[in-house]
Amino acid sequence: MQYTAIVALAATGWRRSVLDQLRVDGWCTFATAPAGWDRRFPWRWSRRRTLAEEHDWRARSRRRSHGWTTPPREAPKLRPAVLAALYRQLRKSLEDGKNEPGAADFYFGECEMRRHDQYGTFPAERALLTVYWALSGYGLRASRALAWLGTAMTISVMALMLWGLPADDPKPQTTGRQVEAGQGLTLTTDTPAPRNPAGALNNRITSERFEKSLRVVINSVVFRSSGQDLTTRGAYTEMASRLTEPVLLGFAVLAVRNRVKR
C-alpha cells in the first residue's frame, strides 16, 4: 500500500466510500512499528503493521519520536482523528474479506489514534482506552493480560498468607446446659470467628499457608469459593480477587480469540 495513495484518499472525501471497499489479498507490505528496546517509555513497541502516516505523526510528536520514520517535509500533517478513520476503514475492508486476524493490527492502530486524539475523543473515553491498552493491548496482547493476571494472583496469595488466613482453622464448638432427668436436652453448635494471625510476618510464610492461599486464589479466578475460613482482610482480598482476576483471564482469552478467529 503506497504512502501517496493513502494520503491522497485521506486528503479527498473518498475515504469513507473507497477504503472500506478495498480488498487486500495475498502478500501486501505495510510499515511496521519500531523493533528493539529503548530507554524511554514505552520501552518496547508492540510488533504490528502500521500506516506510514502514523510514522509521520509519531515522528513529529514529542516523547513519541524514537524509532519512528521521519516524514518528508512535503508530507501533510494529519491529526490522530484522521488516522483513526483510515485504520477503521482498512480494518473493515479486511473484516469484510473474512480476514479478521489480519485486521487486528489495524484495530490496534485505530484504538491508539483514538487514545491520542485530544479533540474528538472525550477524556473519560481516552482514560478507558488507556486502561484497556495497559491491561491487554486492546484485547490483542495475551501475554500482557497473562502477566497482569500472574501479578494479581501473586499479590493476592501474599496478602492471604500474611493477613487473610486465620491463626488456626476455627473448630465448631457444641455447648449445652445440664437439665434434670426427664427434660429435653438443648445443644448449640457454633463456630467461633477466625482469629487474626499474630507474630512476625516471616513466620506466616509457610508451605501450609501458601497452599491454602493458592487454592483460594485459583478458585477466585474461575468464580468459585474455596470454602476456606478467612479473616476480615482475607474476605475483602478474596472479593477483590474474584472481581479482577477473571476479567484479566477473559482479556487473555479474548486476545487469543482475536488472533485465531476465522
C-alpha atoms as a PDB file:
ATOM      1  CA  MET A   1       0.000   0.000   0.000  1.00  0.00           C
ATOM      2  CA  GLN A   2       1.738   3.148  -1.177  1.00  0.00           C
ATOM      3  CA  TYR A   3       2.049   6.138   1.166  1.00  0.00           C
ATOM      4  CA  THR A   4       0.951   8.601  -1.535  1.00  0.00           C
ATOM      5  CA  ALA A   5      -2.186   6.613  -2.310  1.00  0.00           C
ATOM      6  CA  ILE A   6      -3.341   6.619   1.310  1.00  0.00           C
ATOM      7  CA  VAL A   7      -2.613  10.327   1.700  1.00  0.00           C
ATOM      8  CA  ALA A   8      -4.477  11.122  -1.490  1.00  0.00           C
ATOM      9  CA  LEU A   9      -7.525   9.223  -0.305  1.00  0.00           C
ATOM     10  CA  ALA A  10      -7.324  10.879   3.089  1.00  0.00           C
ATOM     11  CA  ALA A  11      -6.987  14.347   1.562  1.00  0.00           C
ATOM     12  CA  THR A  12     -10.097  13.883  -0.544  1.00  0.00           C
ATOM     13  CA  GLY A  13     -13.548  12.947   0.628  1.00  0.00           C
ATOM     14  CA  TRP A  14     -13.317   9.423  -0.812  1.00  0.00           C
ATOM     15  CA  ARG A  15     -12.017   7.509   2.161  1.00  0.00           C
ATOM     16  CA  ARG A  16     -15.494   6.695   3.505  1.00  0.00           C
ATOM     17  CA  SER A  17     -16.646   5.256   0.191  1.00  0.00           C
ATOM     18  CA  VAL A  18     -13.390   3.742  -1.115  1.00  0.00           C
ATOM     19  CA  LEU A  19     -11.126   2.467   1.651  1.00  0.00           C
ATOM     20  CA  ASP A  20     -13.705   0.164   3.176  1.00  0.00           C
ATOM     21  CA  GLN A  21     -14.338  -1.302  -0.319  1.00  0.00           C
ATOM     22  CA  LEU A  22     -10.698  -2.183  -0.960  1.00  0.00           C
ATOM     23  CA  ARG A  23      -9.700  -5.834  -0.969  1.00  0.00           C
ATOM     24  CA  VAL A  24      -6.270  -6.615   0.476  1.00  0.00           C
ATOM     25  CA  ASP A  25      -5.496 -10.186  -0.545  1.00  0.00           C
ATOM     26  CA  GLY A  26      -2.296 -12.168  -0.717  1.00  0.00           C
ATOM     27  CA  TRP A  27       1.025 -10.614   0.209  1.00  0.00           C
ATOM     28  CA  CYS A  28       0.961  -6.885   0.949  1.00  0.00           C
ATOM     29  CA  THR A  29       3.673  -4.879   2.689  1.00  0.00           C
ATOM     30  CA  PHE A  30       2.896  -2.249   5.309  1.00  0.00           C
ATOM     31  CA  ALA A  31       5.189  -0.281   7.554  1.00  0.00           C
ATOM     32  CA  THR A  32       5.884  -1.809  10.963  1.00  0.00           C
ATOM     33  CA  ALA A  33       6.343  -0.413  14.440  1.00  0.00           C
ATOM     34  CA  PRO A  34       9.932   0.087  15.643  1.00  0.00           C
ATOM     35  CA  ALA A  35      11.681  -3.015  16.937  1.00  0.00           C
ATOM     36  CA  GLY A  36      14.006  -3.409  19.895  1.00  0.00           C
ATOM     37  CA  TRP A  37      14.159  -1.784  23.314  1.00  0.00           C
ATOM     38  CA  ASP A  38      14.523   1.864  24.275  1.00  0.00           C
ATOM     39  CA  ARG A  39      15.469   3.663  27.487  1.00  0.00           C
ATOM     40  CA  ARG A  40      12.368   5.861  27.331  1.00  0.00           C
ATOM     41  CA  PHE A  41       8.788   4.789  27.935  1.00  0.00           C
ATOM     42  CA  PRO A  42       7.334   2.816  26.253  1.00  0.00           C
ATOM     43  CA  TRP A  43      10.488   0.749  26.379  1.00  0.00           C
ATOM     44  CA  ARG A  44       9.336  -1.591  23.633  1.00  0.00           C
ATOM     45  CA  TRP A  45       6.695  -1.155  20.922  1.00  0.00           C
ATOM     46  CA  SER A  46       4.298  -3.961  20.058  1.00  0.00           C
ATOM     47  CA  ARG A  47       5.106  -5.555  16.720  1.00  0.00           C
ATOM     48  CA  ARG A  48       2.311  -4.679  14.316  1.00  0.00           C
ATOM     49  CA  ARG A  49       1.606  -3.396  10.836  1.00  0.00           C
ATOM     50  CA  THR A  50       1.145   0.354  10.675  1.00  0.00           C
ATOM     51  CA  LEU A  51       0.469   3.069   8.152  1.00  0.00           C
ATOM     52  CA  ALA A  52       3.228   5.418   7.054  1.00  0.00           C
ATOM     53  CA  GLU A  53       1.002   8.269   8.241  1.00  0.00           C
ATOM     54  CA  GLU A  54       1.273   7.017  11.818  1.00  0.00           C
ATOM     55  CA  HIS A  55       5.064   7.032  11.480  1.00  0.00           C
ATOM     56  CA  ASP A  56       4.829  10.640  10.335  1.00  0.00           C
ATOM     57  CA  TRP A  57       2.593  11.663  13.221  1.00  0.00           C
ATOM     58  CA  ARG A  58       4.679   9.933  15.891  1.00  0.00           C
ATOM     59  CA  ALA A  59       7.956  11.236  14.467  1.00  0.00           C
ATOM     60  CA  ARG A  60       6.556  14.780  14.684  1.00  0.00           C
ATOM     61  CA  SER A  61       5.220  14.262  18.212  1.00  0.00           C
ATOM     62  CA  ARG A  62       7.464  14.869  21.180  1.00  0.00           C
ATOM     63  CA  ARG A  63       8.142  11.988  23.597  1.00  0.00           C
ATOM     64  CA  ARG A  64       6.970   9.518  20.907  1.00  0.00           C
ATOM     65  CA  SER A  65       9.505  10.020  18.136  1.00  0.00           C
ATOM     66  CA  HIS A  66      12.165   7.434  18.985  1.00  0.00           C
ATOM     67  CA  GLY A  67      12.344   4.702  16.366  1.00  0.00           C
ATOM     68  CA  TRP A  68       9.671   6.068  14.030  1.00  0.00           C
ATOM     69  CA  THR A  69      10.493   7.113  10.468  1.00  0.00           C
ATOM     70  CA  THR A  70      10.898  10.848   9.927  1.00  0.00           C
ATOM     71  CA  PRO A  71       8.445  12.086   7.263  1.00  0.00           C
ATOM     72  CA  PRO A  72       9.422  14.141   4.217  1.00  0.00           C
ATOM     73  CA  ARG A  73       8.909  17.883   4.500  1.00  0.00           C
ATOM     74  CA  GLU A  74       6.076  17.917   1.978  1.00  0.00           C
ATOM     75  CA  ALA A  75       4.093  15.265   3.838  1.00  0.00           C
ATOM     76  CA  PRO A  76       0.811  16.653   5.217  1.00  0.00           C
ATOM     77  CA  LYS A  77       0.292  16.784   8.964  1.00  0.00           C
ATOM     78  CA  LEU A  78      -2.629  14.534   9.845  1.00  0.00           C
ATOM     79  CA  ARG A  79      -4.374  14.525  13.191  1.00  0.00           C
ATOM     80  CA  PRO A  80      -4.988  11.296  15.123  1.00  0.00           C
ATOM     81  CA  ALA A  81      -8.716  11.528  14.305  1.00  0.00           C
ATOM     82  CA  VAL A  82      -7.912  11.266  10.570  1.00  0.00           C
ATOM     83  CA  LEU A  83      -5.568   8.332  11.170  1.00  0.00           C
ATOM     84  CA  ALA A  84      -8.235   6.589  13.253  1.00  0.00           C
ATOM     85  CA  ALA A  85     -10.649   6.898  10.326  1.00  0.00           C
ATOM     86  CA  LEU A  86      -8.058   5.436   7.939  1.00  0.00           C
ATOM     87  CA  TYR A  87      -7.392   2.486  10.233  1.00  0.00           C
ATOM     88  CA  ARG A  88     -11.121   1.933  10.743  1.00  0.00           C
ATOM     89  CA  GLN A  89     -11.883   1.732   7.047  1.00  0.00           C
ATOM     90  CA  LEU A  90      -8.942  -0.575   6.299  1.00  0.00           C
ATOM     91  CA  ARG A  91      -9.931  -2.785   9.226  1.00  0.00           C
ATOM     92  CA  LYS A  92     -13.474  -3.020   7.885  1.00  0.00           C
ATOM     93  CA  SER A  93     -12.114  -3.941   4.457  1.00  0.00           C
ATOM     94  CA  LEU A  94     -10.176  -6.894   5.890  1.00  0.00           C
ATOM     95  CA  GLU A  95     -13.034  -7.979   8.132  1.00  0.00           C
ATOM     96  CA  ASP A  96     -15.407  -7.984   5.153  1.00  0.00           C
ATOM     97  CA  GLY A  97     -12.899 -10.239   3.406  1.00  0.00           C
ATOM     98  CA  LYS A  98     -13.056 -12.690   6.376  1.00  0.00           C
ATOM     99  CA  ASN A  99      -9.514 -11.842   7.395  1.00  0.00           C
ATOM    100  CA  GLU A 100     -10.179 -10.793  10.966  1.00  0.00           C
ATOM    101  CA  PRO A 101      -6.753 -11.823  12.334  1.00  0.00           C
ATOM    102  CA  GLY A 102      -5.161  -9.649   9.658  1.00  0.00           C
ATOM    103  CA  ALA A 103      -7.418  -6.758  10.669  1.00  0.00           C
ATOM    104  CA  ALA A 104      -6.247  -6.948  14.292  1.00  0.00           C
ATOM    105  CA  ASP A 105      -3.258  -4.649  13.715  1.00  0.00           C
ATOM    106  CA  PHE A 106      -5.499  -2.042  12.134  1.00  0.00           C
ATOM    107  CA  TYR A 107      -7.865  -2.264  15.082  1.00  0.00           C
ATOM    108  CA  PHE A 108      -4.874  -1.702  17.381  1.00  0.00           C
ATOM    109  CA  GLY A 109      -3.859   1.342  15.337  1.00  0.00           C
ATOM    110  CA  GLU A 110      -7.409   2.703  15.370  1.00  0.00           C
ATOM    111  CA  CYS A 111      -7.588   2.462  19.171  1.00  0.00           C
ATOM    112  CA  GLU A 112      -4.141   4.029  19.505  1.00  0.00           C
ATOM    113  CA  MET A 113      -5.164   7.044  17.464  1.00  0.00           C
ATOM    114  CA  ARG A 114      -8.417   7.409  19.394  1.00  0.00           C
ATOM    115  CA  ARG A 115      -6.447   7.260  22.643  1.00  0.00           C
ATOM    116  CA  HIS A 116      -4.172  10.097  21.493  1.00  0.00           C
ATOM    117  CA  ASP A 117      -6.925  12.194  19.924  1.00  0.00           C
ATOM    118  CA  GLN A 118      -7.381  15.130  22.291  1.00  0.00           C
ATOM    119  CA  TYR A 119     -10.009  16.869  20.178  1.00  0.00           C
ATOM    120  CA  GLY A 120     -12.564  14.288  19.076  1.00  0.00           C
ATOM    121  CA  THR A 121     -12.294  11.800  21.968  1.00  0.00           C
ATOM    122  CA  PHE A 122     -13.630  12.638  25.407  1.00  0.00           C
ATOM    123  CA  PRO A 123     -11.176  12.464  28.357  1.00  0.00           C
ATOM    124  CA  ALA A 124     -13.151   9.659  30.021  1.00  0.00           C
ATOM    125  CA  GLU A 125     -13.021   7.618  26.819  1.00  0.00           C
ATOM    126  CA  ARG A 126      -9.282   8.228  26.485  1.00  0.00           C
ATOM    127  CA  ALA A 127      -8.777   7.100  30.081  1.00  0.00           C
ATOM    128  CA  LEU A 128     -10.792   3.934  29.410  1.00  0.00           C
ATOM    129  CA  LEU A 129      -8.753   3.229  26.284  1.00  0.00           C
ATOM    130  CA  THR A 130      -5.540   3.770  28.253  1.00  0.00           C
ATOM    131  CA  VAL A 131      -6.573   1.183  30.840  1.00  0.00           C
ATOM    132  CA  TYR A 132      -7.628  -1.218  28.070  1.00  0.00           C
ATOM    133  CA  TRP A 133      -4.268  -0.712  26.354  1.00  0.00           C
ATOM    134  CA  ALA A 134      -2.265  -1.199  29.566  1.00  0.00           C
ATOM    135  CA  LEU A 135      -4.090  -4.360  30.640  1.00  0.00           C
ATOM    136  CA  SER A 136      -4.359  -6.267  27.374  1.00  0.00           C
ATOM    137  CA  GLY A 137      -3.254  -4.179  24.393  1.00  0.00           C
ATOM    138  CA  TYR A 138      -6.890  -3.533  23.360  1.00  0.00           C
ATOM    139  CA  GLY A 139      -7.718  -7.201  23.771  1.00  0.00           C
ATOM    140  CA  LEU A 140      -4.943  -8.243  21.354  1.00  0.00           C
ATOM    141  CA  ARG A 141      -1.949  -8.957  23.623  1.00  0.00           C
ATOM    142  CA  ALA A 142      -2.495 -12.182  25.558  1.00  0.00           C
ATOM    143  CA  SER A 143       0.977 -12.041  27.114  1.00  0.00           C
ATOM    144  CA  ARG A 144       0.225  -8.651  28.657  1.00  0.00           C
ATOM    145  CA  ALA A 145      -3.058  -9.834  30.155  1.00  0.00           C
ATOM    146  CA  LEU A 146      -1.435 -13.025  31.489  1.00  0.00           C
ATOM    147  CA  ALA A 147       1.391 -11.002  33.024  1.00  0.00           C
ATOM    148  CA  TRP A 148      -1.126  -8.819  34.865  1.00  0.00           C
ATOM    149  CA  LEU A 149      -3.051 -11.938  35.897  1.00  0.00           C
ATOM    150  CA  GLY A 150       0.091 -13.530  37.325  1.00  0.00           C
ATOM    151  CA  THR A 151       0.931 -10.301  39.159  1.00  0.00           C
ATOM    152  CA  ALA A 152      -2.566 -10.020  40.631  1.00  0.00           C
ATOM    153  CA  MET A 153      -2.537 -13.661  41.739  1.00  0.00           C
ATOM    154  CA  THR A 154       0.874 -13.260  43.357  1.00  0.00           C
ATOM    155  CA  ILE A 155      -0.275 -10.188  45.291  1.00  0.00           C
ATOM    156  CA  SER A 156      -3.458 -11.978  46.382  1.00  0.00           C
ATOM    157  CA  VAL A 157      -1.548 -15.058  47.576  1.00  0.00           C
ATOM    158  CA  MET A 158       0.897 -12.937  49.578  1.00  0.00           C
ATOM    159  CA  ALA A 159      -1.901 -10.870  51.121  1.00  0.00           C
ATOM    160  CA  LEU A 160      -3.774 -14.003  52.152  1.00  0.00           C
ATOM    161  CA  MET A 161      -0.685 -15.624  53.643  1.00  0.00           C
ATOM    162  CA  LEU A 162       0.239 -12.541  55.667  1.00  0.00           C
ATOM    163  CA  TRP A 163      -3.165 -11.268  56.782  1.00  0.00           C
ATOM    164  CA  GLY A 164      -6.012 -13.262  55.219  1.00  0.00           C
ATOM    165  CA  LEU A 165      -5.722 -16.723  56.748  1.00  0.00           C
ATOM    166  CA  PRO A 166      -6.625 -17.089  60.441  1.00  0.00           C
ATOM    167  CA  ALA A 167      -4.103 -18.239  63.001  1.00  0.00           C
ATOM    168  CA  ASP A 168      -5.924 -21.575  63.272  1.00  0.00           C
ATOM    169  CA  ASP A 169      -8.898 -23.014  61.438  1.00  0.00           C
ATOM    170  CA  PRO A 170     -11.936 -22.379  63.702  1.00  0.00           C
ATOM    171  CA  LYS A 171     -13.410 -25.597  65.040  1.00  0.00           C
ATOM    172  CA  PRO A 172     -17.144 -25.934  65.755  1.00  0.00           C
ATOM    173  CA  GLN A 173     -17.940 -25.957  69.462  1.00  0.00           C
ATOM    174  CA  THR A 174     -21.037 -27.537  70.970  1.00  0.00           C
ATOM    175  CA  THR A 175     -22.433 -26.140  74.214  1.00  0.00           C
ATOM    176  CA  GLY A 176     -25.439 -27.169  76.261  1.00  0.00           C
ATOM    177  CA  ARG A 177     -26.994 -26.895  79.670  1.00  0.00           C
ATOM    178  CA  GLN A 178     -27.366 -29.686  82.168  1.00  0.00           C
ATOM    179  CA  VAL A 179     -31.032 -30.357  82.880  1.00  0.00           C
ATOM    180  CA  GLU A 180     -32.971 -32.503  85.264  1.00  0.00           C
ATOM    181  CA  ALA A 181     -33.927 -36.054  84.386  1.00  0.00           C
ATOM    182  CA  GLY A 182     -36.873 -36.316  82.054  1.00  0.00           C
ATOM    183  CA  GLN A 183     -36.419 -32.890  80.468  1.00  0.00           C
ATOM    184  CA  GLY A 184     -35.213 -32.256  76.902  1.00  0.00           C
ATOM    185  CA  LEU A 185     -31.543 -31.550  76.258  1.00  0.00           C
ATOM    186  CA  THR A 186     -30.707 -28.487  74.155  1.00  0.00           C
ATOM    187  CA  LEU A 187     -27.309 -28.323  72.464  1.00  0.00           C
ATOM    188  CA  THR A 188     -25.951 -25.352  70.493  1.00  0.00           C
ATOM    189  CA  THR A 189     -23.163 -25.743  67.953  1.00  0.00           C
ATOM    190  CA  ASP A 190     -21.317 -22.577  66.979  1.00  0.00           C
ATOM    191  CA  THR A 191     -18.122 -21.777  65.056  1.00  0.00           C
ATOM    192  CA  PRO A 192     -16.005 -19.015  66.592  1.00  0.00           C
ATOM    193  CA  ALA A 193     -14.876 -16.103  64.480  1.00  0.00           C
ATOM    194  CA  PRO A 194     -11.471 -16.553  62.797  1.00  0.00           C
ATOM    195  CA  ARG A 195      -8.606 -15.075  64.804  1.00  0.00           C
ATOM    196  CA  ASN A 196      -6.187 -12.757  63.049  1.00  0.00           C
ATOM    197  CA  PRO A 197      -2.665 -14.173  62.744  1.00  0.00           C
ATOM    198  CA  ALA A 198      -0.120 -12.837  65.209  1.00  0.00           C
ATOM    199  CA  GLY A 199       3.635 -12.752  65.352  1.00  0.00           C
ATOM    200  CA  ALA A 200       6.283 -11.784  62.837  1.00  0.00           C
ATOM    201  CA  LEU A 201       5.301 -11.664  59.152  1.00  0.00           C
ATOM    202  CA  ASN A 202       8.051 -14.051  58.087  1.00  0.00           C
ATOM    203  CA  ASN A 203       6.645 -16.701  60.423  1.00  0.00           C
ATOM    204  CA  ARG A 204       3.376 -16.632  58.484  1.00  0.00           C
ATOM    205  CA  ILE A 205       5.035 -17.655  55.217  1.00  0.00           C
ATOM    206  CA  THR A 206       4.802 -21.425  55.403  1.00  0.00           C
ATOM    207  CA  SER A 207       4.078 -24.132  52.866  1.00  0.00           C
ATOM    208  CA  GLU A 208       0.746 -24.912  54.512  1.00  0.00           C
ATOM    209  CA  ARG A 209      -0.462 -21.308  54.423  1.00  0.00           C
ATOM    210  CA  PHE A 210       0.837 -20.938  50.853  1.00  0.00           C
ATOM    211  CA  GLU A 211      -1.134 -23.992  49.710  1.00  0.00           C
ATOM    212  CA  LYS A 212      -4.330 -22.690  51.317  1.00  0.00           C
ATOM    213  CA  SER A 213      -3.838 -19.202  49.854  1.00  0.00           C
ATOM    214  CA  LEU A 214      -3.126 -20.567  46.381  1.00  0.00           C
ATOM    215  CA  ARG A 215      -6.262 -22.697  46.487  1.00  0.00           C
ATOM    216  CA  VAL A 216      -8.371 -19.662  47.418  1.00  0.00           C
ATOM    217  CA  VAL A 217      -6.901 -17.551  44.601  1.00  0.00           C
ATOM    218  CA  ILE A 218      -7.210 -20.228  41.908  1.00  0.00           C
ATOM    219  CA  ASN A 219     -10.853 -20.756  42.827  1.00  0.00           C
ATOM    220  CA  SER A 220     -11.402 -16.984  42.676  1.00  0.00           C
ATOM    221  CA  VAL A 221     -10.129 -16.846  39.083  1.00  0.00           C
ATOM    222  CA  VAL A 222     -12.933 -19.168  37.957  1.00  0.00           C
ATOM    223  CA  PHE A 223     -15.613 -17.597  40.186  1.00  0.00           C
ATOM    224  CA  ARG A 224     -15.625 -20.383  42.761  1.00  0.00           C
ATOM    225  CA  SER A 225     -15.465 -20.303  46.543  1.00  0.00           C
ATOM    226  CA  SER A 226     -12.806 -22.432  48.197  1.00  0.00           C
ATOM    227  CA  GLY A 227     -14.739 -22.731  51.468  1.00  0.00           C
ATOM    228  CA  GLN A 228     -11.640 -21.640  53.397  1.00  0.00           C
ATOM    229  CA  ASP A 229     -12.225 -19.653  56.591  1.00  0.00           C
ATOM    230  CA  LEU A 230     -10.743 -16.171  56.235  1.00  0.00           C
ATOM    231  CA  THR A 231     -10.229 -13.114  58.377  1.00  0.00           C
ATOM    232  CA  THR A 232     -11.955  -9.842  57.526  1.00  0.00           C
ATOM    233  CA  ARG A 233      -8.953  -8.711  55.461  1.00  0.00           C
ATOM    234  CA  GLY A 234      -8.863 -12.082  53.793  1.00  0.00           C
ATOM    235  CA  ALA A 235     -12.548 -11.864  52.861  1.00  0.00           C
ATOM    236  CA  TYR A 236     -12.036  -8.491  51.187  1.00  0.00           C
ATOM    237  CA  THR A 237      -8.922  -9.794  49.423  1.00  0.00           C
ATOM    238  CA  GLU A 238     -10.897 -12.726  48.067  1.00  0.00           C
ATOM    239  CA  MET A 239     -13.680 -10.412  46.856  1.00  0.00           C
ATOM    240  CA  ALA A 240     -11.162  -8.203  45.054  1.00  0.00           C
ATOM    241  CA  SER A 241      -9.546 -11.293  43.558  1.00  0.00           C
ATOM    242  CA  ARG A 242     -12.873 -12.639  42.299  1.00  0.00           C
ATOM    243  CA  LEU A 243     -13.631  -9.260  40.724  1.00  0.00           C
ATOM    244  CA  THR A 244     -10.367  -8.509  38.916  1.00  0.00           C
ATOM    245  CA  GLU A 245      -8.658 -11.779  38.053  1.00  0.00           C
ATOM    246  CA  PRO A 246     -11.480 -13.326  35.965  1.00  0.00           C
ATOM    247  CA  VAL A 247     -11.513 -10.101  33.931  1.00  0.00           C
ATOM    248  CA  LEU A 248      -7.789 -10.435  33.221  1.00  0.00           C
ATOM    249  CA  LEU A 249      -8.252 -14.085  32.278  1.00  0.00           C
ATOM    250  CA  GLY A 250     -11.065 -13.029  29.931  1.00  0.00           C
ATOM    251  CA  PHE A 251      -8.769 -10.450  28.313  1.00  0.00           C
ATOM    252  CA  ALA A 252      -6.186 -13.168  27.631  1.00  0.00           C
ATOM    253  CA  VAL A 253      -8.806 -15.484  26.102  1.00  0.00           C
ATOM    254  CA  LEU A 254     -10.158 -12.597  24.012  1.00  0.00           C
ATOM    255  CA  ALA A 255      -6.679 -11.797  22.720  1.00  0.00           C
ATOM    256  CA  VAL A 256      -6.089 -15.365  21.619  1.00  0.00           C
ATOM    257  CA  ARG A 257      -9.552 -15.468  20.033  1.00  0.00           C
ATOM    258  CA  ASN A 258      -8.908 -12.265  18.062  1.00  0.00           C
ATOM    259  CA  ARG A 259      -5.669 -13.710  16.674  1.00  0.00           C
ATOM    260  CA  VAL A 260      -7.057 -17.063  15.511  1.00  0.00           C
ATOM    261  CA  LYS A 261     -10.641 -16.142  14.599  1.00  0.00           C
ATOM    262  CA  ARG A 262     -11.743 -17.120  11.118  1.00  0.00           C
END
